[in-house]
Protein backbone atom coordinates (compact mmCIF):
# COMPACT_ATOMS: atom_id res chain seq x y z
CA MET A 1 129.98 92.61 -62.04
CA ILE A 2 133.35 94.35 -61.85
CA THR A 3 136.27 92.95 -59.89
CA ILE A 4 138.88 95.34 -58.52
CA ASP A 5 142.08 94.00 -57.03
CA LEU A 6 145.85 94.42 -57.03
CA VAL A 7 146.43 90.71 -57.69
CA GLU A 8 145.91 89.53 -61.27
CA ASN A 9 145.24 85.94 -60.20
CA ARG A 10 142.29 86.92 -57.99
CA MET A 11 140.84 89.09 -60.75
CA ASN A 12 141.18 86.20 -63.21
CA LYS A 13 139.41 83.88 -60.76
CA ALA A 14 136.59 86.41 -60.39
CA LEU A 15 136.27 86.64 -64.18
CA GLU A 16 136.21 82.83 -64.36
CA LEU A 17 133.39 82.78 -61.78
CA GLY A 18 131.21 85.38 -63.48
CA ALA A 19 132.64 88.87 -63.19
CA THR A 20 132.30 90.72 -66.48
CA ASP A 21 135.12 93.24 -66.12
CA SER A 22 138.26 93.84 -64.08
CA VAL A 23 140.24 96.92 -63.11
CA ASN A 24 143.56 96.90 -61.28
CA ALA A 25 143.22 98.66 -57.93
CA GLY A 26 146.57 100.37 -58.52
CA ASP A 27 145.33 102.12 -61.65
CA PRO A 28 145.35 105.88 -60.98
CA ASP A 29 142.29 106.22 -63.26
CA LEU A 30 140.31 103.51 -61.47
CA VAL A 31 137.23 105.66 -60.73
CA GLU A 32 137.15 107.06 -64.27
CA LYS A 33 137.34 103.51 -65.66
CA VAL A 34 134.76 101.91 -63.37
CA LYS A 35 131.93 104.46 -63.53
CA PRO A 36 131.44 104.17 -67.32
CA MET A 37 131.13 100.39 -66.97
CA ALA A 38 127.77 100.93 -65.24
CA PRO A 39 124.77 100.97 -67.62
CA ASP A 40 124.26 104.74 -67.33
CA GLY A 41 127.80 105.71 -66.36
CA LEU A 42 126.81 106.97 -62.90
CA GLY A 43 128.60 104.26 -60.94
CA VAL A 44 127.93 100.81 -59.55
CA ASP A 45 124.75 99.80 -57.72
CA VAL A 46 126.71 98.04 -54.96
CA ALA A 47 130.36 98.43 -54.00
CA ILE A 48 131.72 95.80 -51.62
CA GLU A 49 134.69 96.75 -49.46
CA ALA A 50 136.35 93.48 -48.42
CA VAL A 51 139.90 94.53 -47.55
CA GLY A 52 139.57 96.74 -44.49
CA ILE A 53 141.82 99.66 -45.37
CA PRO A 54 140.89 103.34 -45.68
CA GLN A 55 141.75 103.59 -49.40
CA THR A 56 139.49 100.72 -50.46
CA PHE A 57 136.62 102.18 -48.43
CA LYS A 58 137.19 105.57 -50.07
CA THR A 59 137.26 103.95 -53.51
CA CYS A 60 133.91 102.26 -52.85
CA LEU A 61 132.38 105.62 -51.94
CA GLU A 62 133.79 107.13 -55.13
CA ILE A 63 132.45 104.44 -57.49
CA VAL A 64 128.98 103.88 -56.03
CA ARG A 65 126.07 105.56 -57.83
CA PRO A 66 123.47 107.83 -56.24
CA TYR A 67 120.97 105.62 -54.34
CA GLY A 68 123.60 102.86 -54.36
CA THR A 69 124.92 100.77 -51.49
CA VAL A 70 128.38 100.34 -50.00
CA ALA A 71 128.68 97.00 -48.20
CA ASN A 72 131.62 97.00 -45.83
CA ALA A 73 132.82 93.46 -45.08
CA GLY A 74 136.49 94.28 -44.47
CA VAL A 75 137.90 94.28 -40.95
CA HIS A 76 139.27 97.75 -40.32
CA GLY A 77 142.22 98.30 -38.00
CA LYS A 78 142.38 102.04 -38.68
CA ALA A 79 139.80 104.80 -38.69
CA VAL A 80 138.28 105.75 -42.03
CA GLU A 81 136.81 109.04 -43.11
CA LEU A 82 133.04 108.93 -43.54
CA PRO A 83 131.98 111.80 -45.79
CA ILE A 84 128.41 111.72 -44.55
CA GLN A 85 127.57 115.00 -46.29
CA ASP A 86 128.33 113.43 -49.71
CA MET A 87 126.64 110.14 -48.90
CA TRP A 88 123.54 111.93 -47.61
CA ILE A 89 123.06 114.12 -50.66
CA SER A 90 123.46 111.07 -52.95
CA ASN A 91 121.24 108.81 -50.80
CA VAL A 92 124.00 106.22 -50.46
CA THR A 93 123.30 103.35 -48.08
CA LEU A 94 126.12 101.94 -45.93
CA ARG A 95 125.79 98.35 -44.70
CA MET A 96 128.31 96.78 -42.35
CA GLY A 97 128.74 94.41 -39.46
CA LEU A 98 130.58 91.40 -38.15
CA VAL A 99 130.09 88.01 -39.73
CA ASP A 100 127.26 86.56 -37.67
CA CYS A 101 126.56 83.32 -39.54
CA ASN A 102 122.97 84.37 -40.39
CA THR A 103 123.70 83.79 -44.08
CA VAL A 104 125.42 80.40 -43.80
CA GLY A 105 122.20 78.52 -44.55
CA LYS A 106 121.51 80.67 -47.61
CA LEU A 107 125.08 80.19 -48.87
CA LEU A 108 124.91 76.43 -48.39
CA ASN A 109 121.60 76.34 -50.29
CA MET A 110 123.23 78.30 -53.12
CA VAL A 111 126.06 75.73 -53.24
CA ARG A 112 123.56 72.84 -53.23
CA ALA A 113 121.54 74.45 -56.02
CA GLY A 114 124.66 74.98 -58.14
CA ARG A 115 124.35 78.78 -58.00
CA LEU A 116 127.64 79.15 -56.09
CA ASN A 117 130.65 77.09 -57.10
CA ALA A 118 132.55 76.81 -53.84
CA ARG A 119 134.95 74.21 -55.28
CA ALA A 120 136.17 76.66 -57.93
CA MET A 121 137.41 79.04 -55.23
CA ALA A 122 139.51 76.34 -53.54
CA THR A 123 142.91 76.56 -55.17
CA HIS A 124 145.02 74.66 -52.63
CA HIS A 125 144.29 71.61 -50.48
CA PHE A 126 146.11 70.43 -47.35
CA LYS A 127 145.67 67.79 -44.69
CA LEU A 128 145.03 69.12 -41.21
CA ASP A 129 148.51 68.08 -40.07
CA GLN A 130 149.89 70.41 -42.79
CA ILE A 131 148.21 73.46 -41.27
CA GLU A 132 151.47 75.38 -40.79
CA GLU A 133 152.40 74.87 -44.45
CA ALA A 134 148.91 75.96 -45.49
CA TYR A 135 149.12 79.06 -43.31
CA ASP A 136 152.54 79.98 -44.75
CA LEU A 137 151.24 79.52 -48.27
CA PHE A 138 148.18 81.68 -47.67
CA ALA A 139 150.29 84.35 -46.00
CA ASN A 140 151.89 84.74 -49.44
CA ALA A 141 148.71 84.08 -51.42
CA ALA A 142 149.58 86.26 -54.42
CA GLU A 143 152.94 84.52 -54.88
CA HIS A 144 151.24 81.10 -54.86
CA GLN A 145 148.12 82.18 -56.76
CA ALA A 146 145.98 81.09 -53.82
CA VAL A 147 142.36 82.16 -53.51
CA LYS A 148 141.09 79.78 -50.80
CA VAL A 149 142.92 77.05 -48.91
CA VAL A 150 141.00 73.94 -47.86
CA LEU A 151 142.03 71.81 -44.87
CA THR A 152 140.79 68.23 -44.55
CA ALA A 153 141.19 65.61 -41.84
């Protein structure tokens, strides 16, 4: 599993949680670095777009292998180019949609079984009456090395 991000802290957290490699998203040779990391050098099986900006979507399309899948989880506020002619010839699958809570049960079962360490992603904890402080901190997540903020009663 390869993590790609601009923020070193998030990449380090991904490596801690099981990613095998990391590449800085600002690297101009990102595509040339990622593709060879795949077993046959053709690209990744699945590229997950989780940011919601045109460049990250484009990058996913560039690093996914023929017959691979791009999973778009990011919330896009701008139109993105969909090079359907390239995706079609490479048999790339595009999956996307709003969070609909259909996977919550599966995720909770993964946490219960110890397959997903939800606690490790929680880097900051606040009481509910500190919600404004928590929001301010998360608004500057990179500065505070925040991955996930947890609010408790």
